Amino acid sequence: MIAWRYLRARKAEGGVSTMTWISLIGITLAVAALIITLAVRTGFRDEFVDTILGANAHVTVFSQAYVNETGQTVRTIPDYADWASRIAAVPGVTRAAPLVKGQVMANKGQVNAGVEVYGITYDDLLTIPRIAQPEVAQGDIRAFDQGIAIGSGVAQALGVGVGDKIKIISPNGVKTAFGTSPRVNAYDITYIFTAGRWDIDRTRVYLPFVEAQSFFNREGVADEIEVMVADPEGVDKLLLPMMQAASPLATVWTWRDRSGAFLRALDMEDSVMFIILSVLVLIASMNIISGLIMLVKNKGRDIGILRTMGLTEGSVLRVFFLCGSVTGLVGTIAGVILGCLFAIYIDAVFSFVNYVAGGGVWDPSIRGIYRLPAKLEFWDVASAVVLSLGLSFIVTIFPARRAARMNPVEALRYE
């Protein structure tokens, strides 16, 4: 009751009320900023990893270099069907698909675009989540064997749509008596996908496996085996069994190897941002000390009277501890509500910011993904709450102890 009366400062004690409101608003904004940052961090990492795992191989199996029958040093896989079947039999592997890959130029009229062609069978294409069930798709994936499937970024760059015909140009084409001439083939676009990653949509092209073998002079061989596993996070445990099942010449490359540097940078950024925002919460909590010191100074006479009436030091400490901790508690609750609402409606908030800024706030060619994601996790919110309440309670103890140890005689001497 006493703490509640002290928190409702009168006009004569307006300074105490002002400091309380400053502390409350500061903690609210600091906790909200921490929750929003943690939610965006989690959402961005999950979206990035999901696009990696949903459109790329979890493990890629290559062949080491060897000398073929013609005396050439190559890394192709002639018995790719046997490799794929043996790898697919490893427990934990969900799919093993032979691939033919090559970098070529796509052409439509006077427009060219560099693309990466993946030669794959129709059945294997259906097992790639971000391609077979993309965010946005045009055309019919069932007509894949009758043409070519391209990313939406490639379609935009070339200005083409479903039903149009594009040319694929490879510098390593037909070998003639006068040298190697470029190979040019034209294909009908049967399917356009949006995988959710700018770099994939902007460069990825899928071609039927047999056609890709013919186009890249890979008759009877494959370049690699694309492997999907049930638990991508635990892929390291499957590497040795896959290599043993495939061939002594097999070597592997995982999705962590491909994007490990970026993921490590994200983890480092997560830790740094949490520390920085924790300092902001601490600074906001320190305002509670200022408010409580002013309150103790203004209530010195009241403390002296309460002590002479028999109130113990512990009771006085609890009174002023409640005054500070209630501010931290209310600010934390308000910050959690504000931060969660911001994370939940981040698309609407970001659209408003983009509109006010005139567009172009988010560049997918730099960020890799098309929007700013946010994902609320219980432990992220809980860590923000524990940090805020812990700091608020700790900083409240010191001015509360000062009030409790105040000598009632000294407090009333000049009253």
Protein backbone atom coordinates (compact mmCIF):
# COMPACT_ATOMS: atom_id res chain seq x y z
CA MET A 1 0.00 0.00 0.00
CA ILE A 2 2.78 2.41 0.93
CA ALA A 3 4.70 1.62 -2.28
CA TRP A 4 1.59 2.21 -4.37
CA ARG A 5 1.02 5.60 -2.70
CA TYR A 6 4.63 6.58 -3.37
CA LEU A 7 4.36 5.63 -7.02
CA ARG A 8 1.33 7.93 -7.41
CA ALA A 9 3.38 11.09 -6.93
CA ARG A 10 1.60 14.35 -6.26
CA LYS A 11 2.16 17.55 -8.22
CA ALA A 12 4.72 18.73 -5.69
CA GLU A 13 6.75 15.59 -6.42
CA GLY A 14 6.42 15.78 -10.18
CA GLY A 15 10.11 15.04 -10.64
CA VAL A 16 9.68 11.57 -9.15
CA SER A 17 6.70 10.88 -11.42
CA THR A 18 8.64 12.06 -14.47
CA MET A 19 11.60 9.83 -13.68
CA THR A 20 9.26 6.88 -13.18
CA TRP A 21 7.70 7.43 -16.59
CA ILE A 22 11.12 7.82 -18.21
CA SER A 23 12.25 4.54 -16.64
CA LEU A 24 9.04 2.82 -17.71
CA ILE A 25 9.27 3.99 -21.32
CA GLY A 26 12.99 3.21 -21.53
CA ILE A 27 12.57 -0.36 -20.32
CA THR A 28 9.56 -0.86 -22.61
CA LEU A 29 11.47 0.26 -25.70
CA ALA A 30 14.64 -1.64 -24.76
CA VAL A 31 12.78 -4.92 -24.17
CA ALA A 32 10.75 -4.45 -27.37
CA ALA A 33 13.93 -3.77 -29.37
CA LEU A 34 15.56 -6.89 -27.93
CA ILE A 35 12.58 -9.11 -28.75
CA ILE A 36 12.23 -7.67 -32.27
CA THR A 37 15.93 -8.19 -32.97
CA LEU A 38 15.86 -11.77 -31.68
CA ALA A 39 12.72 -12.52 -33.71
CA VAL A 40 14.18 -11.08 -36.92
CA ARG A 41 17.45 -12.91 -36.31
CA THR A 42 15.66 -16.23 -35.83
CA GLY A 43 13.35 -15.63 -38.79
CA PHE A 44 16.17 -14.62 -41.11
CA ARG A 45 18.29 -17.64 -40.20
CA ASP A 46 15.37 -20.04 -40.54
CA GLU A 47 14.35 -18.56 -43.90
CA PHE A 48 17.91 -18.66 -45.18
CA VAL A 49 18.49 -22.24 -44.05
CA ASP A 50 15.07 -23.32 -45.36
CA THR A 51 15.85 -21.97 -48.82
CA ILE A 52 19.23 -23.74 -48.75
CA LEU A 53 17.73 -27.06 -47.71
CA GLY A 54 14.60 -26.67 -49.81
CA ALA A 55 16.26 -25.97 -53.16
CA ASN A 56 19.74 -27.45 -52.87
CA ALA A 57 21.31 -30.80 -52.08
CA HIS A 58 21.97 -31.51 -48.43
CA VAL A 59 25.03 -33.46 -49.56
CA THR A 60 26.70 -33.50 -52.97
CA VAL A 61 28.74 -36.58 -53.84
CA PHE A 62 31.53 -36.08 -56.41
CA SER A 63 34.10 -38.34 -57.93
CA GLN A 64 37.80 -37.76 -57.46
CA ALA A 65 39.83 -37.18 -60.61
CA TYR A 66 40.77 -40.27 -62.59
CA VAL A 67 42.03 -41.14 -66.08
CA ASN A 68 39.37 -42.56 -68.41
CA GLU A 69 39.73 -44.92 -71.37
CA THR A 70 40.77 -42.12 -73.72
CA GLY A 71 43.55 -40.95 -71.41
CA GLN A 72 41.73 -37.83 -70.21
CA THR A 73 41.63 -36.79 -66.58
CA VAL A 74 37.96 -36.41 -65.65
CA ARG A 75 35.71 -36.30 -62.57
CA THR A 76 32.50 -37.61 -64.09
CA ILE A 77 30.59 -40.62 -62.72
CA PRO A 78 30.01 -43.35 -65.35
CA ASP A 79 28.14 -45.76 -63.05
CA TYR A 80 25.97 -43.03 -61.55
CA ALA A 81 22.89 -45.26 -61.29
CA ASP A 82 24.74 -47.73 -59.05
CA TRP A 83 26.17 -44.91 -56.95
CA ALA A 84 22.73 -43.37 -56.50
CA SER A 85 21.05 -46.66 -55.56
CA ARG A 86 23.75 -47.56 -53.01
CA ILE A 87 23.70 -44.09 -51.43
CA ALA A 88 19.89 -44.12 -51.28
CA ALA A 89 20.08 -47.36 -49.30
CA VAL A 90 22.04 -45.69 -46.47
CA PRO A 91 19.76 -45.22 -43.41
CA GLY A 92 18.81 -41.57 -43.08
CA VAL A 93 19.08 -40.78 -46.81
CA THR A 94 15.75 -39.90 -48.41
CA ARG A 95 16.88 -39.39 -52.03
CA ALA A 96 19.96 -39.68 -54.23
CA ALA A 97 19.67 -38.19 -57.72
CA PRO A 98 22.30 -38.05 -60.51
CA LEU A 99 22.89 -34.56 -61.91
CA VAL A 100 24.51 -33.01 -64.94
CA LYS A 101 25.53 -29.38 -64.35
CA GLY A 102 26.90 -26.64 -66.51
CA GLN A 103 27.12 -22.87 -66.76
CA VAL A 104 25.76 -21.47 -70.00
CA MET A 105 24.18 -18.39 -71.52
CA ALA A 106 20.43 -18.09 -71.95
CA ASN A 107 19.24 -15.93 -74.83
CA LYS A 108 15.97 -14.40 -75.96
CA GLY A 109 16.22 -11.95 -78.84
CA GLN A 110 18.83 -9.36 -77.92
CA VAL A 111 18.83 -10.19 -74.20
CA ASN A 112 21.31 -12.60 -72.59
CA ALA A 113 21.64 -13.95 -69.05
CA GLY A 114 24.21 -16.23 -67.45
CA VAL A 115 22.52 -19.26 -65.92
CA GLU A 116 23.42 -22.58 -64.33
CA VAL A 117 21.74 -25.60 -65.86
CA TYR A 118 20.82 -28.62 -63.73
CA GLY A 119 20.12 -31.78 -65.70
CA ILE A 120 17.72 -33.88 -63.62
CA THR A 121 14.94 -36.40 -64.16
CA TYR A 122 11.30 -35.45 -63.70
CA ASP A 123 10.82 -37.80 -60.71
CA ASP A 124 13.84 -36.35 -58.94
CA LEU A 125 12.72 -32.78 -59.66
CA LEU A 126 9.46 -33.46 -57.83
CA THR A 127 11.42 -34.23 -54.65
CA ILE A 128 12.93 -30.71 -54.40
CA PRO A 129 10.47 -28.84 -52.11
CA ARG A 130 11.23 -25.27 -53.14
CA ILE A 131 11.02 -26.15 -56.82
CA ALA A 132 8.09 -28.58 -56.90
CA GLN A 133 6.09 -26.61 -54.28
CA PRO A 134 7.42 -23.06 -54.66
CA GLU A 135 6.00 -19.83 -53.26
CA VAL A 136 4.85 -18.83 -56.75
CA ALA A 137 4.78 -20.93 -59.91
CA GLN A 138 3.66 -20.57 -63.51
CA GLY A 139 3.04 -23.34 -66.00
CA ASP A 140 2.83 -27.08 -65.37
CA ILE A 141 5.72 -28.98 -63.84
CA ARG A 142 4.27 -32.18 -65.34
CA ALA A 143 5.33 -30.87 -68.76
CA PHE A 144 8.97 -30.66 -67.65
CA ASP A 145 10.16 -33.41 -70.00
CA GLN A 146 8.82 -31.42 -72.97
CA GLY A 147 10.88 -28.31 -72.40
CA ILE A 148 12.77 -26.43 -69.71
CA ALA A 149 12.06 -25.06 -66.21
CA ILE A 150 13.54 -21.69 -65.24
CA GLY A 151 13.61 -19.42 -62.19
CA SER A 152 11.42 -16.34 -62.04
CA GLY A 153 14.51 -14.12 -61.97
CA VAL A 154 15.75 -15.65 -65.22
CA ALA A 155 12.30 -15.16 -66.78
CA GLN A 156 12.27 -11.52 -65.68
CA ALA A 157 15.79 -10.88 -66.97
CA LEU A 158 14.96 -12.35 -70.38
CA GLY A 159 11.41 -10.99 -70.49
CA VAL A 160 9.84 -14.37 -71.19
CA GLY A 161 6.91 -16.41 -69.90
CA VAL A 162 5.47 -19.90 -70.08
CA GLY A 163 5.20 -21.06 -73.70
CA ASP A 164 8.03 -18.85 -74.95
CA LYS A 165 11.18 -20.35 -76.45
CA ILE A 166 14.68 -19.52 -75.24
CA LYS A 167 18.11 -20.50 -76.50
CA ILE A 168 20.76 -22.16 -74.35
CA ILE A 169 24.31 -21.50 -75.59
CA SER A 170 27.34 -23.47 -74.38
CA PRO A 171 30.89 -22.64 -75.50
CA ASN A 172 31.87 -26.32 -75.09
CA GLY A 173 29.80 -27.69 -77.93
CA VAL A 174 30.33 -29.83 -80.96
CA LYS A 175 33.87 -30.90 -81.78
CA THR A 176 34.71 -30.53 -85.48
CA ALA A 177 37.81 -30.70 -87.63
CA PHE A 178 38.15 -26.95 -87.20
CA GLY A 179 37.87 -27.02 -83.39
CA THR A 180 35.01 -26.87 -80.92
CA SER A 181 32.02 -24.81 -82.00
CA PRO A 182 29.45 -23.46 -79.51
CA ARG A 183 26.33 -25.55 -79.06
CA VAL A 184 23.00 -23.75 -79.31
CA ASN A 185 19.68 -25.40 -78.52
CA ALA A 186 16.22 -23.89 -78.24
CA TYR A 187 13.69 -25.05 -75.61
CA ASP A 188 10.10 -24.25 -74.76
CA ILE A 189 9.53 -22.84 -71.26
CA THR A 190 7.09 -25.17 -69.51
CA TYR A 191 7.53 -24.13 -65.88
CA ILE A 192 8.63 -20.98 -64.00
CA PHE A 193 9.31 -21.23 -60.24
CA THR A 194 10.08 -18.83 -57.40
CA ALA A 195 12.16 -20.66 -54.82
CA GLY A 196 12.37 -17.70 -52.43
CA ARG A 197 16.09 -16.97 -52.87
CA TRP A 198 17.13 -14.24 -55.28
CA ASP A 199 20.36 -15.95 -56.33
CA ILE A 200 18.55 -19.23 -57.08
CA ASP A 201 15.66 -17.65 -58.98
CA ARG A 202 18.07 -15.44 -60.92
CA THR A 203 20.40 -18.23 -62.15
CA ARG A 204 18.74 -21.64 -61.82
CA VAL A 205 17.52 -23.59 -64.88
CA TYR A 206 16.40 -27.23 -64.95
CA LEU A 207 16.74 -29.40 -68.05
CA PRO A 208 15.66 -33.06 -68.50
CA PHE A 209 18.52 -35.35 -67.54
CA VAL A 210 18.96 -37.11 -70.90
CA GLU A 211 18.79 -33.81 -72.78
CA ALA A 212 21.40 -32.29 -70.45
CA GLN A 213 23.71 -35.27 -71.04
CA SER A 214 23.48 -34.69 -74.78
CA PHE A 215 23.86 -30.92 -74.53
CA PHE A 216 26.96 -30.99 -72.29
CA ASN A 217 28.61 -33.98 -73.99
CA ARG A 218 28.00 -36.17 -70.92
CA GLU A 219 26.55 -39.22 -72.68
CA GLY A 220 26.49 -42.13 -70.24
CA VAL A 221 27.88 -40.15 -67.26
CA ALA A 222 26.79 -37.72 -64.55
CA ASP A 223 28.67 -34.89 -62.88
CA GLU A 224 27.51 -35.51 -59.29
CA ILE A 225 24.95 -37.20 -57.06
CA GLU A 226 22.54 -34.87 -55.24
CA VAL A 227 21.57 -36.33 -51.85
CA MET A 228 18.73 -35.36 -49.51
CA VAL A 229 18.67 -36.60 -45.91
CA ALA A 230 15.97 -36.81 -43.24
CA ASP A 231 17.96 -34.74 -40.69
CA PRO A 232 20.02 -32.04 -42.40
CA GLU A 233 21.37 -30.76 -39.06
CA GLY A 234 22.91 -34.17 -38.37
CA VAL A 235 24.27 -34.70 -41.86
CA ASP A 236 27.87 -35.11 -40.67
CA LYS A 237 27.06 -38.53 -39.20
CA LEU A 238 26.04 -39.84 -42.63
CA LEU A 239 29.06 -38.71 -44.63
CA LEU A 240 31.28 -41.74 -43.99
CA PRO A 241 28.51 -44.31 -44.68
CA MET A 242 27.65 -42.53 -47.93
CA MET A 243 31.25 -42.46 -49.11
CA GLN A 244 31.68 -46.14 -48.25
CA ALA A 245 28.44 -47.03 -50.05
CA ALA A 246 29.27 -45.05 -53.20
CA SER A 247 32.86 -45.78 -54.18
CA PRO A 248 36.48 -45.39 -53.00
CA LEU A 249 36.65 -42.46 -55.43
CA ALA A 250 33.73 -40.64 -53.80
CA THR A 251 34.12 -37.31 -52.03
CA VAL A 252 31.39 -35.22 -50.42
CA TRP A 253 30.39 -31.58 -49.97
CA THR A 254 27.62 -30.68 -47.51
CA TRP A 255 25.25 -27.74 -47.27
CA ARG A 256 27.22 -26.55 -44.24
CA ASP A 257 30.40 -26.47 -46.33
CA ARG A 258 28.61 -24.41 -48.96
CA SER A 259 27.08 -21.83 -46.59
CA GLY A 260 29.07 -22.36 -43.41
CA ALA A 261 30.85 -19.00 -43.51
CA PHE A 262 27.58 -17.11 -43.80
CA LEU A 263 25.94 -19.14 -41.02
CA ARG A 264 28.94 -18.56 -38.73
CA ALA A 265 28.74 -14.84 -39.48
CA LEU A 266 25.04 -14.92 -38.54
CA ASP A 267 25.81 -16.67 -35.26
CA MET A 268 28.51 -14.14 -34.42
CA GLU A 269 26.17 -11.26 -35.28
CA ASP A 270 23.49 -12.82 -33.06
CA SER A 271 25.80 -12.85 -30.05
CA VAL A 272 27.03 -9.30 -30.63
CA MET A 273 23.51 -7.91 -31.11
CA PHE A 274 22.27 -9.62 -27.94
CA ILE A 275 25.12 -8.09 -25.93
CA ILE A 276 24.55 -4.61 -27.40
CA LEU A 277 20.81 -4.69 -26.74
CA SER A 278 21.41 -6.09 -23.27
CA VAL A 279 23.44 -2.97 -22.56
CA LEU A 280 20.45 -0.89 -23.70
CA VAL A 281 18.23 -2.75 -21.25
CA LEU A 282 20.81 -2.09 -18.52
CA ILE A 283 20.89 1.62 -19.34
CA ALA A 284 17.09 1.77 -19.22
CA SER A 285 17.12 -0.07 -15.90
CA MET A 286 19.64 2.40 -14.47
CA ASN A 287 16.98 5.09 -14.78
CA ILE A 288 15.14 3.28 -11.98
CA ILE A 289 18.03 4.13 -9.65
CA SER A 290 17.69 7.83 -10.45
CA GLY A 291 13.98 7.77 -9.76
CA LEU A 292 14.34 5.82 -6.54
CA ILE A 293 17.13 8.07 -5.22
CA MET A 294 14.89 11.10 -5.79
CA LEU A 295 11.99 9.26 -4.14
CA VAL A 296 14.09 8.32 -1.09
CA LYS A 297 15.29 11.90 -0.77
CA ASN A 298 11.74 13.27 -0.94
CA LYS A 299 10.40 10.67 1.49
CA GLY A 300 13.13 11.02 4.12
CA ARG A 301 10.66 12.47 6.66
CA ASP A 302 8.17 9.69 5.95
CA ILE A 303 10.87 7.06 6.43
CA GLY A 304 11.85 8.56 9.78
CA ILE A 305 8.23 8.59 11.00
CA LEU A 306 7.61 5.01 9.80
CA ARG A 307 10.76 3.80 11.57
CA THR A 308 9.79 5.50 14.85
CA MET A 309 6.35 3.86 14.55
CA GLY A 310 8.07 0.48 14.50
CA LEU A 311 8.55 -0.30 10.80
CA THR A 312 11.65 -2.50 10.43
CA GLU A 313 14.55 -1.97 8.04
CA GLY A 314 13.36 -4.97 6.02
CA SER A 315 9.90 -3.46 5.65
CA VAL A 316 11.30 -0.13 4.45
CA LEU A 317 13.55 -2.02 2.00
CA ARG A 318 10.53 -3.91 0.66
CA VAL A 319 8.57 -0.66 0.21
CA PHE A 320 11.19 0.93 -2.03
CA PHE A 321 12.10 -2.36 -3.71
CA LEU A 322 8.46 -2.65 -4.78
CA CYS A 323 8.53 0.92 -6.09
CA GLY A 324 11.44 0.11 -8.41
CA SER A 325 10.55 -3.48 -9.31
CA VAL A 326 6.97 -2.57 -10.24
CA THR A 327 8.36 -0.07 -12.75
CA GLY A 328 10.61 -2.77 -14.21
CA LEU A 329 7.79 -5.32 -14.24
CA VAL A 330 5.28 -3.04 -15.98
CA GLY A 331 7.92 -1.87 -18.46
CA THR A 332 8.90 -5.46 -19.25
CA ILE A 333 5.29 -6.52 -19.81
CA ALA A 334 4.65 -3.51 -22.07
CA GLY A 335 7.89 -4.23 -23.95
CA VAL A 336 6.95 -7.87 -24.51
CA ILE A 337 3.55 -6.87 -25.86
CA LEU A 338 5.02 -4.18 -28.13
CA GLY A 339 7.85 -6.42 -29.37
CA CYS A 340 5.57 -9.40 -30.07
CA LEU A 341 3.03 -7.24 -31.93
CA PHE A 342 5.81 -5.73 -34.04
CA ALA A 343 7.19 -9.20 -34.89
CA ILE A 344 3.73 -10.60 -35.69
CA TYR A 345 2.80 -7.71 -37.98
CA ILE A 346 6.29 -7.10 -39.35
CA ASP A 347 5.11 -7.42 -42.97
CA ALA A 348 2.59 -4.58 -42.50
CA VAL A 349 5.14 -2.47 -40.62
CA PHE A 350 7.80 -3.06 -43.25
CA SER A 351 5.35 -2.24 -46.06
CA PHE A 352 4.58 1.06 -44.35
CA VAL A 353 8.29 1.86 -43.93
CA ASN A 354 8.92 0.94 -47.56
CA TYR A 355 6.03 3.18 -48.65
CA VAL A 356 7.26 6.13 -46.59
CA ALA A 357 10.82 5.69 -47.91
CA GLY A 358 9.58 5.55 -51.50
CA GLY A 359 10.48 1.86 -52.03
CA GLY A 360 13.77 0.08 -52.43
CA VAL A 361 14.38 -0.41 -48.68
CA TRP A 362 14.95 -4.15 -49.12
CA ASP A 363 17.19 -5.25 -51.98
CA PRO A 364 16.88 -9.04 -52.50
CA SER A 365 20.05 -9.09 -54.61
CA ILE A 366 21.96 -8.11 -51.44
CA ARG A 367 19.87 -9.81 -48.75
CA GLY A 368 19.30 -13.02 -50.71
CA ILE A 369 15.65 -13.31 -49.68
CA TYR A 370 12.66 -11.26 -50.76
CA ARG A 371 11.31 -10.01 -47.42
CA LEU A 372 12.29 -9.35 -43.83
CA PRO A 373 11.15 -12.40 -41.85
CA ALA A 374 10.48 -12.60 -38.10
CA LYS A 375 9.86 -15.69 -36.00
CA LEU A 376 8.95 -15.52 -32.33
CA GLU A 377 10.55 -18.22 -30.21
CA PHE A 378 9.60 -18.85 -26.59
CA TRP A 379 13.20 -18.89 -25.39
CA ASP A 380 14.00 -15.61 -27.14
CA VAL A 381 11.11 -13.86 -25.40
CA ALA A 382 11.92 -15.59 -22.11
CA SER A 383 15.57 -14.49 -22.28
CA ALA A 384 14.49 -10.88 -22.83
CA VAL A 385 12.05 -11.06 -19.88
CA VAL A 386 14.59 -12.67 -17.53
CA LEU A 387 17.28 -10.15 -18.51
CA SER A 388 14.99 -7.14 -18.02
CA LEU A 389 13.46 -8.29 -14.73
CA GLY A 390 16.81 -9.44 -13.39
CA LEU A 391 18.50 -6.10 -14.12
CA SER A 392 15.51 -4.13 -12.83
CA PHE A 393 15.46 -6.04 -9.53
CA ILE A 394 19.22 -5.83 -9.05
CA VAL A 395 19.52 -2.07 -9.61
CA THR A 396 16.55 -1.49 -7.30
CA ILE A 397 18.25 -3.11 -4.33
CA PHE A 398 20.90 -0.40 -3.80
CA PRO A 399 18.66 2.69 -3.32
CA ALA A 400 16.18 0.51 -1.38
CA ARG A 401 18.94 -0.53 1.04
CA ARG A 402 19.99 3.10 1.41
CA ALA A 403 16.44 3.99 2.42
CA ALA A 404 16.25 1.07 4.85
CA ARG A 405 19.48 2.04 6.59
CA MET A 406 18.47 5.69 6.98
CA ASN A 407 18.78 6.84 10.60
CA PRO A 408 15.31 8.05 11.74
CA VAL A 409 16.89 10.61 14.07
CA GLU A 410 18.89 12.16 11.23
CA ALA A 411 15.79 12.04 8.97
CA LEU A 412 13.67 14.02 11.48
CA ARG A 413 16.32 16.31 12.90
CA TYR A 414 15.50 19.26 10.67
CA GLU A 415 11.76 18.57 10.31
